[in-house]
Structures are given as structure tokens and as C-alpha cells.
Amino acid sequence: MVLRRLAGLALAAIALWLLWGGIHTVNVIVSRGSPLSDALLSPPTSLLRILGTFIAVLGGLLAAGGKRFGAVLSLIGVAVFVLLAASMVLSGADSSLWMDEAVFSGILVVLTGLLFTLPRT
């Protein structure tokens, strides 16, 4: 039970840090004169990062609190974040642009796997 809570807290902390990074990037783009829609949707990587990490933070906090559906919610958020990394890789972007997302996707997948395998009790 303690290990599951720690996994939920670790997932929430990492996802919160990634969420902050996504929001900061959008703020920088908007402060340089681009509209918010361009910052989020052109390409949609910022939107995927913010949405996925926000859902993962909620799921990690629910799992850490021992609530139902925390693991499922974190799985949805992590799946969106993995979709972000996969879309960057498949679009042919330089590896320096997607390597961090790929590494953090692996870490988040492992933590989500722990949430599904460890008992909630």
C-alpha cells in the first residue's frame, strides 16, 4: 500500500513538472506575439503535453490518496503523453526534440504499471 502511494506521488510529481514545462513553453510563445491557438495547435504537441500531464497529475494524486480510478486516470494521461512522444518520433523530428519525452514516457509507463499491479487496500 505504501509503495502504491509512493508510485502515485512520484507519477504526480513528474507529471506536474512536465505540465509546468508545457505551460511555460506556451507562455513563451504567446509572449513573443503568437496567438494562443498557434501556440497550442500548430503543431498540437503543446496541447497534447498539457492535456496528458494534467490528467496524469490528477490520476497520480487520486492513486496516492487511495481513491478509485486513480490508476485508470493516470493511464489515460500517460497514454496521451506517449502519443505526444510517438507523434514527434513518427513526424521525423530531430531526436533532440523528442528524446526527453520518450524517456519520461517510459518512466511514467513504469509508474502507471505499478499502480495497476500493487493492491489498493
PDB file of N, CA and C in Angstrom:
ATOM      1  N   MET A   1       0.822  -1.190   0.000  1.00  0.00           N
ATOM      2  CA  MET A   1       0.000   0.000   0.000  1.00  0.00           C
ATOM      3  C   MET A   1       0.866   1.253   0.000  1.00  0.00           C
ATOM      4  N   VAL A   2       1.918   1.261   0.807  1.00  0.00           N
ATOM      5  CA  VAL A   2       2.800   2.422   0.861  1.00  0.00           C
ATOM      6  C   VAL A   2       3.523   2.598  -0.468  1.00  0.00           C
ATOM      7  N   LEU A   3       3.944   1.490  -1.073  1.00  0.00           N
ATOM      8  CA  LEU A   3       4.639   1.567  -2.348  1.00  0.00           C
ATOM      9  C   LEU A   3       3.723   2.104  -3.441  1.00  0.00           C
ATOM     10  N   ARG A   4       2.451   1.735  -3.399  1.00  0.00           N
ATOM     11  CA  ARG A   4       1.491   2.243  -4.385  1.00  0.00           C
ATOM     12  C   ARG A   4       1.293   3.739  -4.213  1.00  0.00           C
ATOM     13  N   ARG A   5       1.212   4.192  -2.976  1.00  0.00           N
ATOM     14  CA  ARG A   5       1.067   5.632  -2.727  1.00  0.00           C
ATOM     15  C   ARG A   5       2.302   6.400  -3.193  1.00  0.00           C
ATOM     16  N   LEU A   6       3.469   5.827  -2.936  1.00  0.00           N
ATOM     17  CA  LEU A   6       4.701   6.462  -3.390  1.00  0.00           C
ATOM     18  C   LEU A   6       4.772   6.518  -4.917  1.00  0.00           C
ATOM     19  N   ALA A   7       4.318   5.458  -5.573  1.00  0.00           N
ATOM     20  CA  ALA A   7       4.292   5.451  -7.038  1.00  0.00           C
ATOM     21  C   ALA A   7       3.330   6.520  -7.557  1.00  0.00           C
ATOM     22  N   GLY A   8       2.175   6.665  -6.904  1.00  0.00           N
ATOM     23  CA  GLY A   8       1.228   7.697  -7.292  1.00  0.00           C
ATOM     24  C   GLY A   8       1.783   9.098  -7.088  1.00  0.00           C
ATOM     25  N   LEU A   9       2.459   9.299  -5.967  1.00  0.00           N
ATOM     26  CA  LEU A   9       3.066  10.604  -5.711  1.00  0.00           C
ATOM     27  C   LEU A   9       4.194  10.905  -6.690  1.00  0.00           C
ATOM     28  N   ALA A  10       5.013   9.906  -6.988  1.00  0.00           N
ATOM     29  CA  ALA A  10       6.094  10.104  -7.951  1.00  0.00           C
ATOM     30  C   ALA A  10       5.538  10.413  -9.332  1.00  0.00           C
ATOM     31  N   LEU A  11       4.493   9.699  -9.733  1.00  0.00           N
ATOM     32  CA  LEU A  11       3.870   9.957 -11.025  1.00  0.00           C
ATOM     33  C   LEU A  11       3.300  11.372 -11.058  1.00  0.00           C
ATOM     34  N   ALA A  12       2.622  11.773  -9.998  1.00  0.00           N
ATOM     35  CA  ALA A  12       2.040  13.115  -9.947  1.00  0.00           C
ATOM     36  C   ALA A  12       3.127  14.181  -9.977  1.00  0.00           C
ATOM     37  N   ALA A  13       4.230  13.965  -9.264  1.00  0.00           N
ATOM     38  CA  ALA A  13       5.305  14.956  -9.220  1.00  0.00           C
ATOM     39  C   ALA A  13       5.980  15.114 -10.582  1.00  0.00           C
ATOM     40  N   ILE A  14       6.271  14.004 -11.228  1.00  0.00           N
ATOM     41  CA  ILE A  14       6.908  14.075 -12.546  1.00  0.00           C
ATOM     42  C   ILE A  14       5.960  14.694 -13.560  1.00  0.00           C
ATOM     43  N   ALA A  15       4.698  14.282 -13.527  1.00  0.00           N
ATOM     44  CA  ALA A  15       3.726  14.844 -14.462  1.00  0.00           C
ATOM     45  C   ALA A  15       3.504  16.333 -14.202  1.00  0.00           C
ATOM     46  N   LEU A  16       3.534  16.750 -12.947  1.00  0.00           N
ATOM     47  CA  LEU A  16       3.374  18.174 -12.624  1.00  0.00           C
ATOM     48  C   LEU A  16       4.549  18.980 -13.172  1.00  0.00           C
ATOM     49  N   TRP A  17       5.749  18.436 -13.065  1.00  0.00           N
ATOM     50  CA  TRP A  17       6.917  19.111 -13.611  1.00  0.00           C
ATOM     51  C   TRP A  17       6.821  19.220 -15.137  1.00  0.00           C
ATOM     52  N   LEU A  18       6.352  18.144 -15.781  1.00  0.00           N
ATOM     53  CA  LEU A  18       6.177  18.168 -17.233  1.00  0.00           C
ATOM     54  C   LEU A  18       5.050  19.122 -17.635  1.00  0.00           C
ATOM     55  N   LEU A  19       4.003  19.207 -16.820  1.00  0.00           N
ATOM     56  CA  LEU A  19       2.908  20.147 -17.073  1.00  0.00           C
ATOM     57  C   LEU A  19       3.422  21.578 -17.013  1.00  0.00           C
ATOM     58  N   TRP A  20       4.224  21.875 -15.990  1.00  0.00           N
ATOM     59  CA  TRP A  20       4.788  23.208 -15.878  1.00  0.00           C
ATOM     60  C   TRP A  20       5.633  23.538 -17.104  1.00  0.00           C
ATOM     61  N   GLY A  21       6.409  22.588 -17.578  1.00  0.00           N
ATOM     62  CA  GLY A  21       7.222  22.809 -18.770  1.00  0.00           C
ATOM     63  C   GLY A  21       6.382  23.116 -20.002  1.00  0.00           C
ATOM     64  N   GLY A  22       5.267  22.417 -20.145  1.00  0.00           N
ATOM     65  CA  GLY A  22       4.376  22.675 -21.272  1.00  0.00           C
ATOM     66  C   GLY A  22       3.720  24.033 -21.193  1.00  0.00           C
ATOM     67  N   ILE A  23       3.267  24.415 -20.000  1.00  0.00           N
ATOM     68  CA  ILE A  23       2.634  25.723 -19.827  1.00  0.00           C
ATOM     69  C   ILE A  23       3.656  26.836 -20.023  1.00  0.00           C
ATOM     70  N   HIS A  24       4.865  26.638 -19.526  1.00  0.00           N
ATOM     71  CA  HIS A  24       5.910  27.643 -19.698  1.00  0.00           C
ATOM     72  C   HIS A  24       6.234  27.854 -21.176  1.00  0.00           C
ATOM     73  N   THR A  25       6.304  26.779 -21.933  1.00  0.00           N
ATOM     74  CA  THR A  25       6.584  26.884 -23.359  1.00  0.00           C
ATOM     75  C   THR A  25       5.502  27.674 -24.073  1.00  0.00           C
ATOM     76  N   VAL A  26       4.243  27.391 -23.746  1.00  0.00           N
ATOM     77  CA  VAL A  26       3.135  28.133 -24.362  1.00  0.00           C
ATOM     78  C   VAL A  26       3.213  29.603 -23.982  1.00  0.00           C
ATOM     79  N   ASN A  27       3.542  29.896 -22.723  1.00  0.00           N
ATOM     80  CA  ASN A  27       3.671  31.293 -22.302  1.00  0.00           C
ATOM     81  C   ASN A  27       4.771  32.021 -23.071  1.00  0.00           C
ATOM     82  N   VAL A  28       5.881  31.352 -23.304  1.00  0.00           N
ATOM     83  CA  VAL A  28       6.976  31.976 -24.061  1.00  0.00           C
ATOM     84  C   VAL A  28       6.532  32.262 -25.487  1.00  0.00           C
ATOM     85  N   ILE A  29       5.862  31.318 -26.111  1.00  0.00           N
ATOM     86  CA  ILE A  29       5.415  31.506 -27.496  1.00  0.00           C
ATOM     87  C   ILE A  29       4.413  32.651 -27.582  1.00  0.00           C
ATOM     88  N   VAL A  30       3.476  32.709 -26.639  1.00  0.00           N
ATOM     89  CA  VAL A  30       2.466  33.771 -26.645  1.00  0.00           C
ATOM     90  C   VAL A  30       3.104  35.128 -26.345  1.00  0.00           C
ATOM     91  N   SER A  31       4.085  35.151 -25.455  1.00  0.00           N
ATOM     92  CA  SER A  31       4.735  36.427 -25.127  1.00  0.00           C
ATOM     93  C   SER A  31       5.529  36.991 -26.299  1.00  0.00           C
ATOM     94  N   ARG A  32       5.876  36.159 -27.248  1.00  0.00           N
ATOM     95  CA  ARG A  32       6.592  36.620 -28.442  1.00  0.00           C
ATOM     96  C   ARG A  32       5.650  37.078 -29.543  1.00  0.00           C
ATOM     97  N   GLY A  33       4.353  37.102 -29.265  1.00  0.00           N
ATOM     98  CA  GLY A  33       3.406  37.674 -30.208  1.00  0.00           C
ATOM     99  C   GLY A  33       2.523  36.693 -30.948  1.00  0.00           C
ATOM    100  N   SER A  34       2.714  35.416 -30.759  1.00  0.00           N
ATOM    101  CA  SER A  34       1.858  34.443 -31.436  1.00  0.00           C
ATOM    102  C   SER A  34       0.542  34.302 -30.685  1.00  0.00           C
ATOM    103  N   PRO A  35      -0.544  34.033 -31.407  1.00  0.00           N
ATOM    104  CA  PRO A  35      -1.811  33.800 -30.715  1.00  0.00           C
ATOM    105  C   PRO A  35      -1.793  32.467 -29.958  1.00  0.00           C
ATOM    106  N   LEU A  36      -2.645  32.368 -28.955  1.00  0.00           N
ATOM    107  CA  LEU A  36      -2.710  31.158 -28.132  1.00  0.00           C
ATOM    108  C   LEU A  36      -3.050  29.933 -28.969  1.00  0.00           C
ATOM    109  N   SER A  37      -3.912  30.100 -29.948  1.00  0.00           N
ATOM    110  CA  SER A  37      -4.284  28.950 -30.785  1.00  0.00           C
ATOM    111  C   SER A  37      -3.084  28.398 -31.548  1.00  0.00           C
ATOM    112  N   ASP A  38      -2.209  29.276 -32.022  1.00  0.00           N
ATOM    113  CA  ASP A  38      -0.996  28.795 -32.704  1.00  0.00           C
ATOM    114  C   ASP A  38      -0.051  28.112 -31.728  1.00  0.00           C
ATOM    115  N   ALA A  39       0.040  28.653 -30.513  1.00  0.00           N
ATOM    116  CA  ALA A  39       0.939  28.062 -29.520  1.00  0.00           C
ATOM    117  C   ALA A  39       0.485  26.667 -29.120  1.00  0.00           C
ATOM    118  N   LEU A  40      -0.819  26.438 -29.098  1.00  0.00           N
ATOM    119  CA  LEU A  40      -1.338  25.139 -28.682  1.00  0.00           C
ATOM    120  C   LEU A  40      -1.517  24.157 -29.830  1.00  0.00           C
ATOM    121  N   LEU A  41      -1.874  24.652 -31.007  1.00  0.00           N
ATOM    122  CA  LEU A  41      -2.305  23.751 -32.071  1.00  0.00           C
ATOM    123  C   LEU A  41      -1.417  23.706 -33.304  1.00  0.00           C
ATOM    124  N   SER A  42      -0.346  24.441 -33.331  1.00  0.00           N
ATOM    125  CA  SER A  42       0.455  24.473 -34.542  1.00  0.00           C
ATOM    126  C   SER A  42       1.918  24.216 -34.229  1.00  0.00           C
ATOM    127  N   PRO A  43       2.390  23.027 -34.102  1.00  0.00           N
ATOM    128  CA  PRO A  43       1.715  21.731 -34.082  1.00  0.00           C
ATOM    129  C   PRO A  43       1.067  21.473 -32.724  1.00  0.00           C
ATOM    130  N   PRO A  44       0.229  20.453 -32.623  1.00  0.00           N
ATOM    131  CA  PRO A  44      -0.529  20.229 -31.376  1.00  0.00           C
ATOM    132  C   PRO A  44       0.268  19.566 -30.253  1.00  0.00           C
ATOM    133  N   THR A  45       1.574  19.604 -30.314  1.00  0.00           N
ATOM    134  CA  THR A  45       2.374  18.959 -29.276  1.00  0.00           C
ATOM    135  C   THR A  45       2.186  19.620 -27.914  1.00  0.00           C
ATOM    136  N   SER A  46       2.057  20.935 -27.882  1.00  0.00           N
ATOM    137  CA  SER A  46       1.862  21.615 -26.596  1.00  0.00           C
ATOM    138  C   SER A  46       0.535  21.224 -25.972  1.00  0.00           C
ATOM    139  N   LEU A  47      -0.497  21.149 -26.793  1.00  0.00           N
ATOM    140  CA  LEU A  47      -1.813  20.764 -26.287  1.00  0.00           C
ATOM    141  C   LEU A  47      -1.791  19.335 -25.751  1.00  0.00           C
ATOM    142  N   LEU A  48      -1.161  18.420 -26.482  1.00  0.00           N
ATOM    143  CA  LEU A  48      -1.066  17.030 -26.021  1.00  0.00           C
ATOM    144  C   LEU A  48      -0.284  16.936 -24.721  1.00  0.00           C
ATOM    145  N   ARG A  49       0.793  17.690 -24.619  1.00  0.00           N
ATOM    146  CA  ARG A  49       1.617  17.644 -23.403  1.00  0.00           C
ATOM    147  C   ARG A  49       0.839  18.179 -22.207  1.00  0.00           C
ATOM    148  N   ILE A  50       0.170  19.305 -22.364  1.00  0.00           N
ATOM    149  CA  ILE A  50      -0.574  19.901 -21.249  1.00  0.00           C
ATOM    150  C   ILE A  50      -1.739  19.007 -20.850  1.00  0.00           C
ATOM    151  N   LEU A  51      -2.487  18.528 -21.814  1.00  0.00           N
ATOM    152  CA  LEU A  51      -3.646  17.688 -21.519  1.00  0.00           C
ATOM    153  C   LEU A  51      -3.231  16.372 -20.870  1.00  0.00           C
ATOM    154  N   GLY A  52      -2.245  15.696 -21.442  1.00  0.00           N
ATOM    155  CA  GLY A  52      -1.809  14.412 -20.913  1.00  0.00           C
ATOM    156  C   GLY A  52      -1.233  14.510 -19.510  1.00  0.00           C
ATOM    157  N   THR A  53      -0.391  15.506 -19.282  1.00  0.00           N
ATOM    158  CA  THR A  53       0.217  15.621 -17.963  1.00  0.00           C
ATOM    159  C   THR A  53      -0.779  16.083 -16.910  1.00  0.00           C
ATOM    160  N   PHE A  54      -1.739  16.918 -17.294  1.00  0.00           N
ATOM    161  CA  PHE A  54      -2.766  17.338 -16.337  1.00  0.00           C
ATOM    162  C   PHE A  54      -3.587  16.137 -15.873  1.00  0.00           C
ATOM    163  N   ILE A  55      -3.992  15.302 -16.806  1.00  0.00           N
ATOM    164  CA  ILE A  55      -4.769  14.106 -16.454  1.00  0.00           C
ATOM    165  C   ILE A  55      -3.911  13.148 -15.618  1.00  0.00           C
ATOM    166  N   ALA A  56      -2.627  13.026 -15.957  1.00  0.00           N
ATOM    167  CA  ALA A  56      -1.735  12.147 -15.201  1.00  0.00           C
ATOM    168  C   ALA A  56      -1.523  12.655 -13.776  1.00  0.00           C
ATOM    169  N   VAL A  57      -1.439  13.974 -13.591  1.00  0.00           N
ATOM    170  CA  VAL A  57      -1.312  14.534 -12.244  1.00  0.00           C
ATOM    171  C   VAL A  57      -2.540  14.180 -11.418  1.00  0.00           C
ATOM    172  N   LEU A  58      -3.724  14.375 -11.994  1.00  0.00           N
ATOM    173  CA  LEU A  58      -4.954  14.033 -11.273  1.00  0.00           C
ATOM    174  C   LEU A  58      -4.995  12.551 -10.916  1.00  0.00           C
ATOM    175  N   GLY A  59      -4.645  11.703 -11.867  1.00  0.00           N
ATOM    176  CA  GLY A  59      -4.640  10.270 -11.609  1.00  0.00           C
ATOM    177  C   GLY A  59      -3.628   9.867 -10.557  1.00  0.00           C
ATOM    178  N   GLY A  60      -2.439  10.446 -10.607  1.00  0.00           N
ATOM    179  CA  GLY A  60      -1.421  10.134  -9.609  1.00  0.00           C
ATOM    180  C   GLY A  60      -1.838  10.560  -8.212  1.00  0.00           C
ATOM    181  N   LEU A  61      -2.463  11.731  -8.104  1.00  0.00           N
ATOM    182  CA  LEU A  61      -2.922  12.197  -6.794  1.00  0.00           C
ATOM    183  C   LEU A  61      -4.066  11.332  -6.264  1.00  0.00           C
ATOM    184  N   LEU A  62      -4.972  10.927  -7.151  1.00  0.00           N
ATOM    185  CA  LEU A  62      -6.058  10.034  -6.727  1.00  0.00           C
ATOM    186  C   LEU A  62      -5.499   8.683  -6.270  1.00  0.00           C
ATOM    187  N   ALA A  63      -4.535   8.161  -7.009  1.00  0.00           N
ATOM    188  CA  ALA A  63      -3.935   6.880  -6.633  1.00  0.00           C
ATOM    189  C   ALA A  63      -3.175   7.002  -5.317  1.00  0.00           C
ATOM    190  N   ALA A  64      -2.487   8.107  -5.122  1.00  0.00           N
ATOM    191  CA  ALA A  64      -1.754   8.306  -3.871  1.00  0.00           C
ATOM    192  C   ALA A  64      -2.705   8.433  -2.695  1.00  0.00           C
ATOM    193  N   GLY A  65      -3.884   8.971  -2.949  1.00  0.00           N
ATOM    194  CA  GLY A  65      -4.886   9.087  -1.894  1.00  0.00           C
ATOM    195  C   GLY A  65      -5.694   7.820  -1.685  1.00  0.00           C
ATOM    196  N   GLY A  66      -5.436   6.787  -2.447  1.00  0.00           N
ATOM    197  CA  GLY A  66      -6.143   5.522  -2.298  1.00  0.00           C
ATOM    198  C   GLY A  66      -7.549   5.544  -2.866  1.00  0.00           C
ATOM    199  N   LYS A  67      -7.829   6.480  -3.751  1.00  0.00           N
ATOM    200  CA  LYS A  67      -9.165   6.600  -4.344  1.00  0.00           C
ATOM    201  C   LYS A  67      -9.295   5.712  -5.561  1.00  0.00           C
ATOM    202  N   ARG A  68     -10.535   5.431  -5.904  1.00  0.00           N
ATOM    203  CA  ARG A  68     -10.807   4.613  -7.079  1.00  0.00           C
ATOM    204  C   ARG A  68     -10.503   5.387  -8.352  1.00  0.00           C
ATOM    205  N   PHE A  69     -10.202   4.664  -9.378  1.00  0.00           N
ATOM    206  CA  PHE A  69      -9.969   5.157 -10.731  1.00  0.00           C
ATOM    207  C   PHE A  69      -8.721   6.037 -10.871  1.00  0.00           C
ATOM    208  N   GLY A  70      -7.894   6.116  -9.848  1.00  0.00           N
ATOM    209  CA  GLY A  70      -6.652   6.867  -9.966  1.00  0.00           C
ATOM    210  C   GLY A  70      -5.719   6.257 -10.992  1.00  0.00           C
ATOM    211  N   ALA A  71      -5.595   4.949 -10.967  1.00  0.00           N
ATOM    212  CA  ALA A  71      -4.714   4.271 -11.916  1.00  0.00           C
ATOM    213  C   ALA A  71      -5.250   4.398 -13.340  1.00  0.00           C
ATOM    214  N   VAL A  72      -6.557   4.301 -13.501  1.00  0.00           N
ATOM    215  CA  VAL A  72      -7.155   4.415 -14.835  1.00  0.00           C
ATOM    216  C   VAL A  72      -6.967   5.826 -15.385  1.00  0.00           C
ATOM    217  N   LEU A  73      -7.179   6.823 -14.540  1.00  0.00           N
ATOM    218  CA  LEU A  73      -6.998   8.203 -14.968  1.00  0.00           C
ATOM    219  C   LEU A  73      -5.538   8.486 -15.319  1.00  0.00           C
ATOM    220  N   SER A  74      -4.622   7.959 -14.523  1.00  0.00           N
ATOM    221  CA  SER A  74      -3.212   8.159 -14.850  1.00  0.00           C
ATOM    222  C   SER A  74      -2.836   7.421 -16.129  1.00  0.00           C
ATOM    223  N   LEU A  75      -3.442   6.273 -16.373  1.00  0.00           N
ATOM    224  CA  LEU A  75      -3.193   5.547 -17.617  1.00  0.00           C
ATOM    225  C   LEU A  75      -3.632   6.375 -18.827  1.00  0.00           C
ATOM    226  N   ILE A  76      -4.771   7.021 -18.730  1.00  0.00           N
ATOM    227  CA  ILE A  76      -5.251   7.864 -19.832  1.00  0.00           C
ATOM    228  C   ILE A  76      -4.284   9.015 -20.075  1.00  0.00           C
ATOM    229  N   GLY A  77      -3.859   9.680 -19.000  1.00  0.00           N
ATOM    230  CA  GLY A  77      -2.924  10.790 -19.146  1.00  0.00           C
ATOM    231  C   GLY A  77      -1.585  10.363 -19.707  1.00  0.00           C
ATOM    232  N   VAL A  78      -1.075   9.250 -19.217  1.00  0.00           N
ATOM    233  CA  VAL A  78       0.214   8.748 -19.708  1.00  0.00           C
ATOM    234  C   VAL A  78       0.086   8.314 -21.162  1.00  0.00           C
ATOM    235  N   ALA A  79      -1.052   7.744 -21.541  1.00  0.00           N
ATOM    236  CA  ALA A  79      -1.261   7.348 -22.936  1.00  0.00           C
ATOM    237  C   ALA A  79      -1.230   8.562 -23.859  1.00  0.00           C
ATOM    238  N   VAL A  80      -1.819   9.665 -23.422  1.00  0.00           N
ATOM    239  CA  VAL A  80      -1.777  10.890 -24.222  1.00  0.00           C
ATOM    240  C   VAL A  80      -0.339  11.394 -24.329  1.00  0.00           C
ATOM    241  N   PHE A  81       0.423  11.320 -23.231  1.00  0.00           N
ATOM    242  CA  PHE A  81       1.815  11.765 -23.263  1.00  0.00           C
ATOM    243  C   PHE A  81       2.655  10.855 -24.152  1.00  0.00           C
ATOM    244  N   VAL A  82       2.407   9.566 -24.118  1.00  0.00           N
ATOM    245  CA  VAL A  82       3.109   8.634 -25.010  1.00  0.00           C
ATOM    246  C   VAL A  82       2.740   8.929 -26.463  1.00  0.00           C
ATOM    247  N   LEU A  83       1.487   9.288 -26.714  1.00  0.00           N
ATOM    248  CA  LEU A  83       1.062   9.675 -28.062  1.00  0.00           C
ATOM    249  C   LEU A  83       1.847  10.895 -28.531  1.00  0.00           C
ATOM    250  N   LEU A  84       2.109  11.832 -27.618  1.00  0.00           N
ATOM    251  CA  LEU A  84       2.920  13.000 -27.945  1.00  0.00           C
ATOM    252  C   LEU A  84       4.314  12.572 -28.403  1.00  0.00           C
ATOM    253  N   ALA A  85       4.961  11.733 -27.617  1.00  0.00           N
ATOM    254  CA  ALA A  85       6.311  11.284 -27.982  1.00  0.00           C
ATOM    255  C   ALA A  85       6.298  10.512 -29.297  1.00  0.00           C
ATOM    256  N   ALA A  86       5.320   9.644 -29.464  1.00  0.00           N
ATOM    257  CA  ALA A  86       5.239   8.855 -30.701  1.00  0.00           C
ATOM    258  C   ALA A  86       4.990   9.746 -31.916  1.00  0.00           C
ATOM    259  N   SER A  87       4.147  10.753 -31.754  1.00  0.00           N
ATOM    260  CA  SER A  87       3.876  11.638 -32.893  1.00  0.00           C
ATOM    261  C   SER A  87       5.115  12.436 -33.275  1.00  0.00           C
ATOM    262  N   MET A  88       5.919  12.813 -32.294  1.00  0.00           N
ATOM    263  CA  MET A  88       7.148  13.540 -32.597  1.00  0.00           C
ATOM    264  C   MET A  88       8.154  12.635 -33.310  1.00  0.00           C
ATOM    265  N   VAL A  89       8.257  11.399 -32.848  1.00  0.00           N
ATOM    266  CA  VAL A  89       9.179  10.458 -33.481  1.00  0.00           C
ATOM    267  C   VAL A  89       8.736  10.157 -34.908  1.00  0.00           C
ATOM    268  N   LEU A  90       7.460   9.880 -35.079  1.00  0.00           N
ATOM    269  CA  LEU A  90       6.954   9.488 -36.397  1.00  0.00           C
ATOM    270  C   LEU A  90       6.909  10.643 -37.390  1.00  0.00           C
ATOM    271  N   SER A  91       6.898  11.880 -36.884  1.00  0.00           N
ATOM    272  CA  SER A  91       6.889  13.024 -37.797  1.00  0.00           C
ATOM    273  C   SER A  91       8.277  13.304 -38.360  1.00  0.00           C
ATOM    274  N   GLY A  92       9.277  12.614 -37.845  1.00  0.00           N
ATOM    275  CA  GLY A  92      10.630  12.788 -38.353  1.00  0.00           C
ATOM    276  C   GLY A  92      11.387  13.917 -37.690  1.00  0.00           C
ATOM    277  N   ALA A  93      10.921  14.353 -36.521  1.00  0.00           N
ATOM    278  CA  ALA A  93      11.616  15.429 -35.812  1.00  0.00           C
ATOM    279  C   ALA A  93      12.987  14.960 -35.340  1.00  0.00           C
ATOM    280  N   ASP A  94      13.860  15.906 -35.155  1.00  0.00           N
ATOM    281  CA  ASP A  94      15.198  15.602 -34.661  1.00  0.00           C
ATOM    282  C   ASP A  94      15.101  14.958 -33.277  1.00  0.00           C
ATOM    283  N   SER A  95      15.999  14.032 -32.999  1.00  0.00           N
ATOM    284  CA  SER A  95      15.929  13.300 -31.737  1.00  0.00           C
ATOM    285  C   SER A  95      16.136  14.201 -30.524  1.00  0.00           C
ATOM    286  N   SER A  96      16.807  15.317 -30.689  1.00  0.00           N
ATOM    287  CA  SER A  96      16.977  16.231 -29.556  1.00  0.00           C
ATOM    288  C   SER A  96      15.645  16.851 -29.129  1.00  0.00           C
ATOM    289  N   LEU A  97      14.655  16.846 -30.011  1.00  0.00           N
ATOM    290  CA  LEU A  97      13.340  17.411 -29.692  1.00  0.00           C
ATOM    291  C   LEU A  97      12.443  16.426 -28.960  1.00  0.00           C
ATOM    292  N   TRP A  98      12.602  15.137 -29.219  1.00  0.00           N
ATOM    293  CA  TRP A  98      11.675  14.171 -28.632  1.00  0.00           C
ATOM    294  C   TRP A  98      12.312  13.216 -27.621  1.00  0.00           C
ATOM    295  N   MET A  99      13.608  13.268 -27.428  1.00  0.00           N
ATOM    296  CA  MET A  99      14.261  12.307 -26.544  1.00  0.00           C
ATOM    297  C   MET A  99      13.774  12.435 -25.097  1.00  0.00           C
ATOM    298  N   ASP A 100      13.620  13.670 -24.598  1.00  0.00           N
ATOM    299  CA  ASP A 100      13.133  13.853 -23.225  1.00  0.00           C
ATOM    300  C   ASP A 100      11.741  13.266 -23.048  1.00  0.00           C
ATOM    301  N   GLU A 101      10.853  13.517 -24.016  1.00  0.00           N
ATOM    302  CA  GLU A 101       9.501  12.977 -23.927  1.00  0.00           C
ATOM    303  C   GLU A 101       9.510  11.455 -23.949  1.00  0.00           C
ATOM    304  N   ALA A 102      10.388  10.873 -24.754  1.00  0.00           N
ATOM    305  CA  ALA A 102      10.459   9.415 -24.819  1.00  0.00           C
ATOM    306  C   ALA A 102      10.943   8.824 -23.493  1.00  0.00           C
ATOM    307  N   VAL A 103      11.948   9.437 -22.886  1.00  0.00           N
ATOM    308  CA  VAL A 103      12.472   8.936 -21.609  1.00  0.00           C
ATOM    309  C   VAL A 103      11.418   9.075 -20.512  1.00  0.00           C
ATOM    310  N   PHE A 104      10.801  10.256 -20.430  1.00  0.00           N
ATOM    311  CA  PHE A 104       9.781  10.459 -19.399  1.00  0.00           C
ATOM    312  C   PHE A 104       8.550   9.598 -19.649  1.00  0.00           C
ATOM    313  N   SER A 105       8.247   9.303 -20.913  1.00  0.00           N
ATOM    314  CA  SER A 105       7.139   8.392 -21.206  1.00  0.00           C
ATOM    315  C   SER A 105       7.410   7.021 -20.618  1.00  0.00           C
ATOM    316  N   GLY A 106       8.629   6.538 -20.763  1.00  0.00           N
ATOM    317  CA  GLY A 106       8.986   5.243 -20.188  1.00  0.00           C
ATOM    318  C   GLY A 106       8.865   5.231 -18.677  1.00  0.00           C
ATOM    319  N   ILE A 107       9.318   6.292 -18.030  1.00  0.00           N
ATOM    320  CA  ILE A 107       9.218   6.377 -16.572  1.00  0.00           C
ATOM    321  C   ILE A 107       7.757   6.403 -16.140  1.00  0.00           C
ATOM    322  N   LEU A 108       6.943   7.193 -16.831  1.00  0.00           N
ATOM    323  CA  LEU A 108       5.521   7.283 -16.474  1.00  0.00           C
ATOM    324  C   LEU A 108       4.790   5.963 -16.718  1.00  0.00           C
ATOM    325  N   VAL A 109       5.178   5.249 -17.758  1.00  0.00           N
ATOM    326  CA  VAL A 109       4.566   3.942 -18.035  1.00  0.00           C
ATOM    327  C   VAL A 109       4.890   2.957 -16.916  1.00  0.00           C
ATOM    328  N   VAL A 110       6.136   2.959 -16.441  1.00  0.00           N
ATOM    329  CA  VAL A 110       6.523   2.065 -15.336  1.00  0.00           C
ATOM    330  C   VAL A 110       5.739   2.408 -14.075  1.00  0.00           C
ATOM    331  N   LEU A 111       5.634   3.681 -13.746  1.00  0.00           N
ATOM    332  CA  LEU A 111       4.891   4.081 -12.547  1.00  0.00           C
ATOM    333  C   LEU A 111       3.409   3.735 -12.667  1.00  0.00           C
ATOM    334  N   THR A 112       2.846   3.903 -13.851  1.00  0.00           N
ATOM    335  CA  THR A 112       1.447   3.526 -14.051  1.00  0.00           C
ATOM    336  C   THR A 112       1.280   2.019 -13.944  1.00  0.00           C
ATOM    337  N   GLY A 113       2.237   1.262 -14.440  1.00  0.00           N
ATOM    338  CA  GLY A 113       2.200  -0.190 -14.282  1.00  0.00           C
ATOM    339  C   GLY A 113       2.214  -0.605 -12.826  1.00  0.00           C
ATOM    340  N   LEU A 114       2.993   0.111 -12.019  1.00  0.00           N
ATOM    341  CA  LEU A 114       2.998  -0.171 -10.572  1.00  0.00           C
ATOM    342  C   LEU A 114       1.627   0.105  -9.955  1.00  0.00           C
ATOM    343  N   LEU A 115       0.973   1.152 -10.398  1.00  0.00           N
ATOM    344  CA  LEU A 115      -0.351   1.459  -9.866  1.00  0.00           C
ATOM    345  C   LEU A 115      -1.355   0.354 -10.177  1.00  0.00           C
ATOM    346  N   PHE A 116      -1.180  -0.298 -11.316  1.00  0.00           N
ATOM    347  CA  PHE A 116      -2.095  -1.362 -11.689  1.00  0.00           C
ATOM    348  C   PHE A 116      -1.747  -2.694 -11.023  1.00  0.00           C
ATOM    349  N   THR A 117      -0.504  -2.890 -10.661  1.00  0.00           N
ATOM    350  CA  THR A 117      -0.125  -4.191 -10.092  1.00  0.00           C
ATOM    351  C   THR A 117      -0.128  -4.227  -8.575  1.00  0.00           C
ATOM    352  N   LEU A 118       0.080  -3.109  -7.942  1.00  0.00           N
ATOM    353  CA  LEU A 118       0.106  -3.084  -6.477  1.00  0.00           C
ATOM    354  C   LEU A 118      -1.321  -2.936  -5.925  1.00  0.00           C
ATOM    355  N   PRO A 119      -1.650  -3.627  -4.852  1.00  0.00           N
ATOM    356  CA  PRO A 119      -3.014  -3.560  -4.325  1.00  0.00           C
ATOM    357  C   PRO A 119      -3.332  -2.195  -3.723  1.00  0.00           C
ATOM    358  N   ARG A 120      -4.603  -1.809  -3.823  1.00  0.00           N
ATOM    359  CA  ARG A 120      -5.042  -0.505  -3.334  1.00  0.00           C
ATOM    360  C   ARG A 120      -5.330  -0.528  -1.841  1.00  0.00           C
ATOM    361  N   THR A 121      -5.813  -1.549  -1.313  1.00  0.00           N
ATOM    362  CA  THR A 121      -6.252  -1.728   0.078  1.00  0.00           C
ATOM    363  C   THR A 121      -6.248  -0.546   0.929  1.00  0.00           C
TER     364      THR A 121
END
